[in-house]
Amino acid sequence: MSLEAIPVEPTSTKLGSNFEAVFDSAEIGWTKPNARAFQHVLDSLQLAPREVFFTDDSARKLIGAETLGIPIHHFTVVTALRDALTQ
């Protein structure tokens, strides 16, 4: 079983309070890079692909988001991510 399919409590990582919504692959039924996972998030938030941003340290996991037209960033270092977020 993929570790991405194991439910995680956002409060256990202290990340949940930083986001309006958190989507858990184990709950929605699709994992990255499946485009359906990203489409589920877009539909749930009623947002267009250009209104969100996705970053991951695995280039393979960016494919589904990119297919839908979501702006992506392959994370390698924090400074590059900061630059990508300001573009």
C-alpha atoms as a PDB file:
ATOM      1  CA  MET A   1       0.000   0.000   0.000  1.00  0.00           C
ATOM      2  CA  SER A   2       1.254   3.482  -0.857  1.00  0.00           C
ATOM      3  CA  LEU A   3       1.969   5.668   2.143  1.00  0.00           C
ATOM      4  CA  GLU A   4      -0.109   8.351   0.417  1.00  0.00           C
ATOM      5  CA  ALA A   5      -3.191   6.199   0.912  1.00  0.00           C
ATOM      6  CA  ILE A   6      -2.770   6.117   4.688  1.00  0.00           C
ATOM      7  CA  PRO A   7      -4.933   8.757   6.407  1.00  0.00           C
ATOM      8  CA  VAL A   8      -3.074  11.524   8.213  1.00  0.00           C
ATOM      9  CA  GLU A   9      -4.567  13.940  10.712  1.00  0.00           C
ATOM     10  CA  PRO A  10      -3.564  17.466   9.614  1.00  0.00           C
ATOM     11  CA  THR A  11      -3.429  18.505  13.262  1.00  0.00           C
ATOM     12  CA  SER A  12      -0.726  15.903  13.905  1.00  0.00           C
ATOM     13  CA  THR A  13       1.553  17.738  11.473  1.00  0.00           C
ATOM     14  CA  LYS A  14       0.451  21.249  12.549  1.00  0.00           C
ATOM     15  CA  LEU A  15      -0.209  22.075   8.893  1.00  0.00           C
ATOM     16  CA  GLY A  16      -3.991  22.039   9.016  1.00  0.00           C
ATOM     17  CA  SER A  17      -4.304  25.459  10.607  1.00  0.00           C
ATOM     18  CA  ASN A  18      -2.387  27.044   7.718  1.00  0.00           C
ATOM     19  CA  PHE A  19      -4.898  26.022   5.046  1.00  0.00           C
ATOM     20  CA  GLU A  20      -8.590  26.561   4.395  1.00  0.00           C
ATOM     21  CA  ALA A  21      -8.935  22.965   3.201  1.00  0.00           C
ATOM     22  CA  VAL A  22      -6.802  19.833   3.364  1.00  0.00           C
ATOM     23  CA  PHE A  23      -7.402  16.910   0.997  1.00  0.00           C
ATOM     24  CA  ASP A  24      -6.240  13.462   2.057  1.00  0.00           C
ATOM     25  CA  SER A  25      -5.656  10.931  -0.734  1.00  0.00           C
ATOM     26  CA  ALA A  26      -6.898   8.157   1.533  1.00  0.00           C
ATOM     27  CA  GLU A  27     -10.223   9.966   1.869  1.00  0.00           C
ATOM     28  CA  ILE A  28     -10.763  11.155  -1.711  1.00  0.00           C
ATOM     29  CA  GLY A  29      -9.725   7.856  -3.292  1.00  0.00           C
ATOM     30  CA  TRP A  30      -7.053   9.067  -5.724  1.00  0.00           C
ATOM     31  CA  THR A  31      -3.359   9.706  -5.264  1.00  0.00           C
ATOM     32  CA  LYS A  32      -0.882  11.895  -7.110  1.00  0.00           C
ATOM     33  CA  PRO A  33      -0.131  11.951 -10.003  1.00  0.00           C
ATOM     34  CA  ASN A  34      -3.661  10.901 -11.010  1.00  0.00           C
ATOM     35  CA  ALA A  35      -5.374  13.932 -12.559  1.00  0.00           C
ATOM     36  CA  ARG A  36      -8.625  12.878 -10.852  1.00  0.00           C
ATOM     37  CA  ALA A  37      -7.102  13.763  -7.476  1.00  0.00           C
ATOM     38  CA  PHE A  38      -6.390  17.290  -8.672  1.00  0.00           C
ATOM     39  CA  GLN A  39      -9.770  17.599 -10.388  1.00  0.00           C
ATOM     40  CA  HIS A  40     -11.466  16.575  -7.130  1.00  0.00           C
ATOM     41  CA  VAL A  41      -9.720  19.437  -5.333  1.00  0.00           C
ATOM     42  CA  LEU A  42     -10.629  21.945  -8.057  1.00  0.00           C
ATOM     43  CA  ASP A  43     -14.257  20.844  -8.028  1.00  0.00           C
ATOM     44  CA  SER A  44     -14.494  20.871  -4.233  1.00  0.00           C
ATOM     45  CA  LEU A  45     -13.060  24.374  -3.995  1.00  0.00           C
ATOM     46  CA  GLN A  46     -14.873  25.587  -7.125  1.00  0.00           C
ATOM     47  CA  LEU A  47     -11.637  26.898  -8.581  1.00  0.00           C
ATOM     48  CA  ALA A  48     -10.149  26.965 -12.060  1.00  0.00           C
ATOM     49  CA  PRO A  49      -6.725  25.373 -12.640  1.00  0.00           C
ATOM     50  CA  ARG A  50      -5.027  28.777 -12.952  1.00  0.00           C
ATOM     51  CA  GLU A  51      -6.311  29.778  -9.500  1.00  0.00           C
ATOM     52  CA  VAL A  52      -4.218  27.176  -7.670  1.00  0.00           C
ATOM     53  CA  PHE A  53      -0.550  26.205  -7.467  1.00  0.00           C
ATOM     54  CA  PHE A  54       1.004  22.780  -6.939  1.00  0.00           C
ATOM     55  CA  THR A  55       4.538  21.910  -5.901  1.00  0.00           C
ATOM     56  CA  ASP A  56       6.158  18.574  -5.125  1.00  0.00           C
ATOM     57  CA  ASP A  57       9.687  17.277  -4.769  1.00  0.00           C
ATOM     58  CA  SER A  58       8.854  14.411  -7.135  1.00  0.00           C
ATOM     59  CA  ALA A  59       8.640  15.482 -10.786  1.00  0.00           C
ATOM     60  CA  ARG A  60       6.495  12.408 -11.501  1.00  0.00           C
ATOM     61  CA  LYS A  61       3.783  13.646  -9.145  1.00  0.00           C
ATOM     62  CA  LEU A  62       3.434  16.931 -11.045  1.00  0.00           C
ATOM     63  CA  ILE A  63       2.087  15.276 -14.199  1.00  0.00           C
ATOM     64  CA  GLY A  64      -1.609  15.146 -13.281  1.00  0.00           C
ATOM     65  CA  ALA A  65      -1.704  18.776 -12.170  1.00  0.00           C
ATOM     66  CA  GLU A  66       0.145  19.921 -15.277  1.00  0.00           C
ATOM     67  CA  THR A  67      -2.267  17.966 -17.505  1.00  0.00           C
ATOM     68  CA  LEU A  68      -5.155  19.997 -16.058  1.00  0.00           C
ATOM     69  CA  GLY A  69      -3.360  23.313 -16.566  1.00  0.00           C
ATOM     70  CA  ILE A  70      -2.478  23.865 -12.909  1.00  0.00           C
ATOM     71  CA  PRO A  71       0.703  25.930 -12.464  1.00  0.00           C
ATOM     72  CA  ILE A  72       3.353  23.581 -11.081  1.00  0.00           C
ATOM     73  CA  HIS A  73       6.797  23.760  -9.528  1.00  0.00           C
ATOM     74  CA  HIS A  74       9.301  20.957  -9.033  1.00  0.00           C
ATOM     75  CA  PHE A  75      10.564  21.643  -5.515  1.00  0.00           C
ATOM     76  CA  THR A  76      14.289  21.338  -4.975  1.00  0.00           C
ATOM     77  CA  VAL A  77      15.186  24.306  -2.753  1.00  0.00           C
ATOM     78  CA  VAL A  78      13.183  26.837  -0.754  1.00  0.00           C
ATOM     79  CA  THR A  79      14.539  29.866  -2.611  1.00  0.00           C
ATOM     80  CA  ALA A  80      13.319  28.530  -5.963  1.00  0.00           C
ATOM     81  CA  LEU A  81       9.894  27.808  -4.466  1.00  0.00           C
ATOM     82  CA  ARG A  82       9.674  31.361  -3.121  1.00  0.00           C
ATOM     83  CA  ASP A  83      10.503  32.677  -6.592  1.00  0.00           C
ATOM     84  CA  ALA A  84       7.875  30.427  -8.181  1.00  0.00           C
ATOM     85  CA  LEU A  85       5.230  31.606  -5.704  1.00  0.00           C
ATOM     86  CA  THR A  86       5.847  35.256  -6.547  1.00  0.00           C
ATOM     87  CA  GLN A  87       5.564  34.815 -10.321  1.00  0.00           C
END
